[in-house]
Amino acid sequence: MPNYFPAGGSGGGTGGATNIFVGAAEMIPRTTTGCGVGSYESTTNKVNYDTCEFDAATSEFAQFIRVLPNNWSYGTVTARFYWTAASGSGTVTFQLAGRAFANDDAIDAAMGTAVGATDTLITASDMHVSPATAAITIAGTPAANVPVIFEVSRDITDTLAVDALLIGVEIIFT
């Protein structure tokens, strides 16, 4: 089981930033305009990883749900994207939006504003870690034990002309 608490802490306001990682295998492509999915194994050392595959020309989306740990302040979060591409050159911009859903909230509600981070493809099939996004405001009323649905997308105005393969998202919060 992952440790969601900062070093020396046990949840409940120990201060500083905390993070959680969500792998692509935990994400669900939207039924409408969902991204592709893939599983890969490296050639020599047989390292396996799953991806959400975001097209260069069509806006696509994937979602996942989390109840964030009790040491979250219920404020904004930031995100970093872990990704690769099989070929190409240029930059990719991944975006994250979220919505909190309290008991008896309508599920068919809008996400908050998507906030992105841009990263440059250095070498195909290498792990890339984007810079952190600016603050992401989660729509709804974030609170203890309230699930948050996050939505990942790609800003197709970026310059990478091939599929961007998302390996996972790190959510950072205080």
Protein backbone atom coordinates (compact mmCIF):
# COMPACT_ATOMS: atom_id res chain seq x y z
CA MET A 1 0.00 0.00 0.00
CA PRO A 2 1.44 3.41 -0.94
CA ASN A 3 2.50 5.83 1.77
CA TYR A 4 0.48 9.00 1.22
CA PHE A 5 1.92 10.90 4.16
CA PRO A 6 5.02 13.09 4.27
CA ALA A 7 8.11 11.77 6.01
CA GLY A 8 7.61 11.73 9.76
CA GLY A 9 3.91 12.43 9.44
CA SER A 10 0.80 10.39 9.89
CA GLY A 11 -1.65 12.66 8.09
CA GLY A 12 -3.51 15.60 9.48
CA GLY A 13 -1.54 18.75 8.83
CA THR A 14 2.15 17.92 9.06
CA GLY A 15 2.88 20.74 6.59
CA GLY A 16 4.75 20.74 3.31
CA ALA A 17 3.78 19.10 0.06
CA THR A 18 2.59 15.54 -0.39
CA ASN A 19 2.18 13.63 -3.62
CA ILE A 20 0.37 10.65 -5.05
CA PHE A 21 1.09 8.90 -8.34
CA VAL A 22 -1.64 7.55 -10.61
CA GLY A 23 -0.48 5.18 -13.34
CA ALA A 24 -2.07 5.08 -16.78
CA ALA A 25 -3.49 1.62 -16.05
CA GLU A 26 -5.72 3.26 -13.41
CA MET A 27 -7.19 5.76 -15.88
CA ILE A 28 -10.37 5.28 -17.91
CA PRO A 29 -10.60 6.80 -21.38
CA ARG A 30 -13.80 8.76 -21.81
CA THR A 31 -16.45 6.93 -23.84
CA THR A 32 -16.72 10.05 -26.03
CA THR A 33 -13.33 11.32 -27.26
CA GLY A 34 -11.34 8.96 -25.07
CA CYS A 35 -7.63 8.42 -25.56
CA GLY A 36 -6.18 5.12 -26.71
CA VAL A 37 -4.53 2.66 -24.36
CA GLY A 38 -1.39 0.60 -24.79
CA SER A 39 0.95 -1.79 -23.02
CA TYR A 40 4.65 -1.90 -23.81
CA GLU A 41 7.69 -3.98 -22.97
CA SER A 42 11.20 -2.66 -23.50
CA THR A 43 13.40 -4.65 -25.86
CA THR A 44 16.40 -5.63 -23.76
CA ASN A 45 15.41 -5.55 -20.10
CA LYS A 46 11.72 -6.34 -20.56
CA VAL A 47 10.43 -3.35 -18.54
CA ASN A 48 6.63 -3.26 -18.84
CA TYR A 49 4.41 -0.18 -18.67
CA ASP A 50 0.89 0.87 -19.62
CA THR A 51 0.04 4.12 -21.36
CA CYS A 52 -2.82 6.39 -22.24
CA GLU A 53 -2.18 7.42 -25.85
CA PHE A 54 -3.12 10.98 -26.72
CA ASP A 55 -3.42 11.84 -30.40
CA ALA A 56 -1.65 14.84 -31.91
CA ALA A 57 -4.66 16.08 -33.91
CA THR A 58 -7.77 15.15 -31.89
CA SER A 59 -8.62 16.29 -28.36
CA GLU A 60 -8.80 13.15 -26.20
CA PHE A 61 -9.40 12.55 -22.50
CA ALA A 62 -8.94 10.04 -19.67
CA GLN A 63 -10.28 10.16 -16.12
CA PHE A 64 -9.53 8.67 -12.72
CA ILE A 65 -11.01 9.07 -9.27
CA ARG A 66 -9.30 9.54 -5.90
CA VAL A 67 -10.26 10.34 -2.36
CA LEU A 68 -7.27 12.46 -1.42
CA PRO A 69 -5.60 11.84 1.96
CA ASN A 70 -6.79 13.59 5.10
CA ASN A 71 -3.66 15.76 5.19
CA TRP A 72 -4.82 17.60 2.04
CA SER A 73 -5.79 21.23 2.78
CA TYR A 74 -8.68 21.03 0.23
CA GLY A 75 -6.99 23.82 -1.72
CA THR A 76 -5.40 23.81 -5.14
CA VAL A 77 -3.16 21.02 -6.42
CA THR A 78 -0.44 20.87 -9.03
CA ALA A 79 0.55 18.01 -11.31
CA ARG A 80 3.50 16.53 -13.17
CA PHE A 81 3.08 14.23 -16.14
CA TYR A 82 5.24 11.16 -16.80
CA TRP A 83 5.28 10.31 -20.49
CA THR A 84 7.15 9.23 -23.60
CA ALA A 85 6.67 8.97 -27.37
CA ALA A 86 7.76 6.33 -29.86
CA SER A 87 9.24 8.90 -32.27
CA GLY A 88 9.13 12.54 -33.27
CA SER A 89 10.32 15.84 -31.90
CA GLY A 90 8.73 18.88 -30.34
CA THR A 91 6.76 19.66 -27.21
CA VAL A 92 3.70 18.13 -25.61
CA THR A 93 1.28 19.85 -23.26
CA PHE A 94 -0.74 17.69 -20.90
CA GLN A 95 -3.54 19.23 -18.85
CA LEU A 96 -5.36 18.24 -15.66
CA ALA A 97 -8.77 19.32 -14.34
CA GLY A 98 -10.77 18.05 -11.39
CA ARG A 99 -14.13 18.06 -9.65
CA ALA A 100 -15.05 17.07 -6.09
CA PHE A 101 -18.28 15.14 -5.60
CA ALA A 102 -19.86 15.23 -2.13
CA ASN A 103 -22.73 13.00 -1.04
CA ASP A 104 -25.80 13.64 -3.25
CA ASP A 105 -23.93 15.86 -5.74
CA ALA A 106 -25.02 15.38 -9.35
CA ILE A 107 -22.37 13.32 -11.14
CA ASP A 108 -23.05 15.12 -14.43
CA ALA A 109 -21.22 18.31 -13.39
CA ALA A 110 -18.46 20.31 -15.05
CA MET A 111 -14.80 19.90 -14.22
CA GLY A 112 -12.73 22.85 -13.07
CA THR A 113 -10.48 24.67 -15.51
CA ALA A 114 -7.77 22.47 -17.02
CA VAL A 115 -4.22 23.62 -16.31
CA GLY A 116 -1.30 22.38 -18.38
CA ALA A 117 2.42 21.75 -18.33
CA THR A 118 4.59 21.69 -21.45
CA ASP A 119 7.57 19.37 -21.86
CA THR A 120 9.98 18.68 -24.73
CA LEU A 121 10.60 15.22 -26.18
CA ILE A 122 14.30 14.61 -25.59
CA THR A 123 14.68 11.01 -26.77
CA ALA A 124 11.96 8.66 -28.03
CA SER A 125 11.07 5.83 -25.65
CA ASP A 126 12.79 7.53 -22.68
CA MET A 127 10.95 8.53 -19.50
CA HIS A 128 10.05 12.21 -19.53
CA VAL A 129 8.86 14.14 -16.48
CA SER A 130 7.14 17.44 -17.13
CA PRO A 131 7.54 20.52 -14.99
CA ALA A 132 4.75 21.04 -12.46
CA THR A 133 1.61 22.82 -13.58
CA ALA A 134 0.43 26.06 -12.08
CA ALA A 135 -2.24 25.77 -9.39
CA ILE A 136 -5.28 23.68 -10.37
CA THR A 137 -8.56 24.63 -8.71
CA ILE A 138 -10.84 21.66 -8.17
CA ALA A 139 -14.49 22.42 -8.91
CA GLY A 140 -17.23 21.49 -6.45
CA THR A 141 -16.61 21.52 -2.72
CA PRO A 142 -13.44 19.59 -1.81
CA ALA A 143 -13.58 18.18 1.72
CA ALA A 144 -12.56 15.17 3.79
CA ASN A 145 -13.64 11.83 2.33
CA VAL A 146 -14.99 13.45 -0.84
CA PRO A 147 -13.97 11.77 -4.09
CA VAL A 148 -12.36 13.88 -6.79
CA ILE A 149 -12.62 12.92 -10.44
CA PHE A 150 -9.59 14.11 -12.37
CA GLU A 151 -9.50 14.49 -16.15
CA VAL A 152 -6.29 14.39 -18.19
CA SER A 153 -6.14 15.82 -21.69
CA ARG A 154 -3.63 16.97 -24.26
CA ASP A 155 -3.53 20.48 -25.70
CA ILE A 156 -3.36 19.62 -29.40
CA THR A 157 -1.84 23.00 -30.24
CA ASP A 158 1.50 21.61 -28.98
CA THR A 159 4.23 20.72 -31.49
CA LEU A 160 4.70 16.95 -31.04
CA ALA A 161 3.20 15.49 -34.23
CA VAL A 162 2.81 11.92 -32.89
CA ASP A 163 0.91 10.21 -30.09
CA ALA A 164 2.06 11.29 -26.64
CA LEU A 165 2.14 8.22 -24.38
CA LEU A 166 1.14 9.16 -20.84
CA ILE A 167 2.61 6.77 -18.26
CA GLY A 168 1.15 8.49 -15.21
CA VAL A 169 0.31 11.67 -13.32
CA GLU A 170 1.74 12.87 -10.04
CA ILE A 171 -0.66 15.02 -8.02
CA ILE A 172 1.02 17.36 -5.53
CA PHE A 173 -0.93 18.99 -2.71
CA THR A 174 -0.49 20.64 0.70
